[in-house]
N, C-alpha and C. Protein backbone atom coordinates (compact mmCIF):
# COMPACT_ATOMS: atom_id res chain seq x y z
N MET A 1 0.67 -1.18 -0.07
CA MET A 1 -0.02 -0.06 -0.09
C MET A 1 0.89 1.19 -0.06
N VAL A 2 1.84 1.18 0.93
CA VAL A 2 2.72 2.48 0.93
C VAL A 2 3.46 2.62 -0.39
N LEU A 3 4.04 1.58 -0.82
CA LEU A 3 4.83 1.38 -2.09
C LEU A 3 3.95 1.90 -3.19
N ASN A 4 2.68 1.55 -3.21
CA ASN A 4 1.90 2.12 -4.32
C ASN A 4 1.65 3.59 -4.29
N LYS A 5 1.50 4.15 -3.02
CA LYS A 5 1.39 5.65 -2.87
C LYS A 5 2.58 6.40 -3.40
N LEU A 6 3.95 5.76 -2.84
CA LEU A 6 5.24 6.32 -3.37
C LEU A 6 5.40 6.38 -4.95
N ILE A 7 4.98 5.20 -5.60
CA ILE A 7 5.23 5.22 -6.83
C ILE A 7 4.17 6.22 -7.69
N SER A 8 2.91 6.35 -7.22
CA SER A 8 2.02 7.31 -7.77
C SER A 8 2.54 8.71 -7.55
N ILE A 9 2.96 9.03 -6.41
CA ILE A 9 3.47 10.38 -5.92
C ILE A 9 4.76 10.66 -6.98
N GLY A 10 5.62 9.74 -7.18
CA GLY A 10 6.89 9.88 -7.98
C GLY A 10 6.41 10.13 -9.47
N THR A 11 5.41 9.12 -9.63
CA THR A 11 4.94 9.56 -11.11
C THR A 11 4.32 10.83 -11.40
N ALA A 12 3.55 11.38 -10.52
CA ALA A 12 3.06 12.72 -10.54
C ALA A 12 4.02 13.75 -10.54
N LEU A 13 5.05 13.66 -9.82
CA LEU A 13 6.09 14.63 -9.76
C LEU A 13 6.78 14.58 -11.10
N LEU A 14 7.14 13.35 -11.65
CA LEU A 14 7.71 13.22 -12.99
C LEU A 14 6.91 14.12 -14.06
N PHE A 15 5.69 13.87 -13.91
CA PHE A 15 4.85 14.54 -15.21
C PHE A 15 4.78 15.96 -14.86
N LEU A 16 4.81 16.21 -13.51
CA LEU A 16 4.79 17.89 -13.26
C LEU A 16 6.07 18.49 -13.78
N GLY A 17 7.25 17.78 -13.56
CA GLY A 17 8.50 18.32 -14.08
C GLY A 17 8.50 18.46 -15.51
N VAL A 18 7.95 17.42 -16.29
CA VAL A 18 8.03 17.45 -17.85
C VAL A 18 7.07 18.70 -18.18
N ILE A 19 5.97 18.81 -17.49
CA ILE A 19 4.92 19.94 -17.77
C ILE A 19 5.51 21.15 -17.60
N LEU A 20 6.26 21.39 -16.53
CA LEU A 20 6.95 22.75 -16.33
C LEU A 20 7.99 22.94 -17.22
N ILE A 21 8.95 22.12 -17.53
CA ILE A 21 9.85 22.46 -18.72
C ILE A 21 9.23 22.68 -19.88
N PHE A 22 8.20 21.98 -20.20
CA PHE A 22 7.40 22.40 -21.56
C PHE A 22 6.95 23.86 -21.57
N ILE A 23 6.27 23.95 -20.22
CA ILE A 23 5.68 25.58 -20.31
C ILE A 23 6.95 26.43 -20.20
N GLY A 24 7.97 26.30 -19.71
CA GLY A 24 9.12 27.24 -19.56
C GLY A 24 9.77 27.31 -20.96
N SER A 25 9.81 26.32 -21.68
CA SER A 25 10.32 26.34 -23.08
C SER A 25 9.47 27.35 -23.90
N ILE A 26 8.01 27.02 -23.81
CA ILE A 26 7.18 27.90 -24.63
C ILE A 26 7.30 29.35 -24.26
N LEU A 27 7.21 29.69 -22.93
CA LEU A 27 7.32 31.00 -22.48
C LEU A 27 8.61 31.68 -22.82
N SER A 28 9.65 30.91 -23.05
CA SER A 28 10.96 31.64 -23.37
C SER A 28 10.95 31.82 -24.71
N THR A 29 10.25 31.26 -25.73
CA THR A 29 10.27 31.80 -27.14
C THR A 29 9.53 33.03 -27.39
N PHE A 30 8.73 33.39 -26.46
CA PHE A 30 8.24 34.88 -26.50
C PHE A 30 8.97 36.00 -26.16
N LYS A 31 10.06 35.61 -25.58
CA LYS A 31 10.92 36.90 -25.17
C LYS A 31 11.36 37.60 -26.36
N SER A 32 11.58 38.83 -26.30
CA SER A 32 12.09 39.66 -27.43
C SER A 32 13.55 39.50 -27.68
N GLU A 33 14.48 39.31 -26.71
CA GLU A 33 15.84 39.42 -26.86
C GLU A 33 16.19 37.88 -27.41
N LYS A 34 17.59 37.97 -27.81
CA LYS A 34 18.00 36.60 -28.47
C LYS A 34 18.62 36.00 -27.36
N PRO A 35 18.27 34.81 -27.06
CA PRO A 35 18.78 34.08 -25.80
C PRO A 35 20.21 33.54 -26.09
N ASN A 36 21.10 33.51 -25.20
CA ASN A 36 22.43 33.10 -25.30
C ASN A 36 22.52 31.56 -24.68
N VAL A 37 22.31 30.63 -25.65
CA VAL A 37 22.21 29.33 -25.28
C VAL A 37 23.57 28.64 -25.43
N LYS A 38 24.05 27.76 -24.48
CA LYS A 38 25.24 27.16 -24.34
C LYS A 38 24.89 25.62 -24.24
N SER A 39 25.33 24.81 -24.90
CA SER A 39 25.14 23.40 -24.66
C SER A 39 26.27 22.54 -24.71
N ALA A 40 26.34 21.36 -23.87
CA ALA A 40 27.46 20.46 -24.00
C ALA A 40 26.75 19.05 -23.58
N GLY A 41 27.36 18.02 -23.98
CA GLY A 41 26.93 16.90 -23.57
C GLY A 41 27.96 15.75 -23.74
N ILE A 42 27.82 14.64 -23.03
CA ILE A 42 28.73 13.63 -23.21
C ILE A 42 27.97 12.18 -23.10
N ILE A 43 28.43 11.23 -23.84
CA ILE A 43 27.80 9.87 -24.04
C ILE A 43 29.03 8.92 -23.82
N PHE A 44 28.76 7.92 -22.86
CA PHE A 44 29.76 7.01 -22.64
C PHE A 44 29.19 5.56 -23.27
N ILE A 45 30.02 5.13 -23.99
CA ILE A 45 29.80 3.85 -24.56
C ILE A 45 30.97 2.82 -23.88
N GLY A 46 30.50 2.24 -22.82
CA GLY A 46 31.61 1.36 -22.14
C GLY A 46 32.44 2.41 -21.49
N PRO A 47 33.71 2.21 -21.53
CA PRO A 47 34.58 3.25 -20.80
C PRO A 47 34.93 4.45 -21.77
N PHE A 48 34.47 4.36 -22.89
CA PHE A 48 34.98 5.42 -24.03
C PHE A 48 34.03 6.76 -24.00
N PRO A 49 34.22 7.81 -23.89
CA PRO A 49 33.54 8.93 -23.73
C PRO A 49 33.38 9.63 -25.17
N PHE A 50 32.41 10.05 -25.57
CA PHE A 50 32.17 10.87 -26.78
C PHE A 50 31.44 12.10 -26.27
N GLY A 51 31.87 13.32 -26.55
CA GLY A 51 31.37 14.60 -26.13
C GLY A 51 31.41 15.64 -27.15
N TRP A 52 30.65 16.64 -26.96
CA TRP A 52 30.47 17.91 -27.63
C TRP A 52 30.32 19.10 -26.68
N ALA A 53 30.54 20.25 -27.15
CA ALA A 53 30.33 21.55 -26.46
C ALA A 53 30.40 22.59 -27.45
N SER A 54 29.54 23.79 -27.11
CA SER A 54 29.40 24.78 -27.93
C SER A 54 30.12 26.11 -27.40
N ASP A 55 30.85 25.87 -26.26
CA ASP A 55 31.60 27.12 -25.56
C ASP A 55 32.92 26.53 -25.08
N LYS A 56 33.92 27.23 -25.18
CA LYS A 56 35.38 26.81 -24.72
C LYS A 56 35.21 26.46 -23.05
N GLY A 57 34.57 27.33 -22.29
CA GLY A 57 34.49 27.03 -20.83
C GLY A 57 33.80 25.90 -20.53
N MET A 58 32.64 25.68 -21.22
CA MET A 58 32.01 24.19 -21.03
C MET A 58 32.81 23.11 -21.56
N PHE A 59 33.56 23.27 -22.52
CA PHE A 59 34.49 22.16 -23.10
C PHE A 59 35.26 21.69 -21.96
N TYR A 60 35.94 22.68 -21.26
CA TYR A 60 36.90 22.28 -20.16
C TYR A 60 36.25 21.80 -19.06
N THR A 61 34.98 22.14 -18.66
CA THR A 61 34.19 21.60 -17.67
C THR A 61 33.86 20.40 -17.87
N LEU A 62 33.45 19.86 -19.09
CA LEU A 62 33.13 18.75 -19.68
C LEU A 62 34.53 17.77 -19.56
N ILE A 63 35.44 18.36 -19.97
CA ILE A 63 36.70 17.31 -19.97
C ILE A 63 36.89 16.83 -18.31
N ILE A 64 36.80 17.75 -17.42
CA ILE A 64 37.16 17.53 -15.99
C ILE A 64 36.08 16.44 -15.40
N ILE A 65 34.67 16.78 -15.98
CA ILE A 65 33.62 15.79 -15.52
C ILE A 65 33.83 14.38 -15.97
N THR A 66 34.29 14.52 -17.37
CA THR A 66 34.76 13.06 -18.14
C THR A 66 35.85 12.31 -17.39
N ILE A 67 36.79 13.14 -16.91
CA ILE A 67 37.90 12.46 -16.29
C ILE A 67 37.45 11.83 -14.84
N ILE A 68 36.48 12.67 -14.26
CA ILE A 68 36.23 12.28 -12.80
C ILE A 68 35.34 11.07 -13.09
N MET A 69 34.37 11.06 -14.19
CA MET A 69 33.56 9.94 -14.40
C MET A 69 34.48 8.49 -14.67
N LEU A 70 35.35 8.74 -15.67
CA LEU A 70 36.18 7.60 -15.95
C LEU A 70 36.99 7.05 -14.79
N ILE A 71 37.60 7.83 -13.99
CA ILE A 71 38.24 7.48 -12.61
C ILE A 71 37.14 6.48 -11.99
N ILE A 72 35.95 7.07 -11.70
CA ILE A 72 34.79 6.30 -10.85
C ILE A 72 34.52 5.05 -11.68
N TYR A 73 34.48 5.05 -13.02
CA TYR A 73 34.40 3.93 -13.78
C TYR A 73 35.17 2.66 -13.60
N PHE A 74 36.44 3.09 -13.60
CA PHE A 74 37.59 2.10 -13.66
C PHE A 74 37.79 1.81 -12.16
N LEU A 75 37.36 2.53 -11.03
CA LEU A 75 37.49 2.14 -9.76
C LEU A 75 36.25 1.07 -9.39
N LEU A 76 35.29 1.33 -9.94
CA LEU A 76 33.99 0.38 -9.66
C LEU A 76 33.99 -0.82 -10.30
N PHE A 77 34.46 -0.71 -11.68
CA PHE A 77 34.33 -2.09 -12.51
C PHE A 77 35.62 -2.61 -12.88
N ARG A 78 36.76 -2.32 -12.06
CA ARG A 78 37.91 -3.05 -12.41
C ARG A 78 37.98 -4.49 -11.93
N ARG A 79 38.75 -5.30 -12.54
CA ARG A 79 38.75 -6.81 -12.13
C ARG A 79 40.00 -7.14 -11.47
N PHE A 80 39.89 -7.86 -10.48
CA PHE A 80 40.98 -8.29 -9.70
C PHE A 80 41.62 -9.45 -10.27
């Protein structure tokens, strides 16, 4: 019973978050000024990272995060 309520609450919060993101993106399109959007991302396929960035600062931040994640990966999944 308690687990079912927690699942329902979690699902409702998930949908609420998606709706708020959708509303925020629609409202931001009506602004008259041009937005300064920067993006960066990283995808790991096994231990190999593939990333992209649209800004030099974000690129360096992404490199640091990638190195930290690779260290964590090798510490957790190393074989003795």
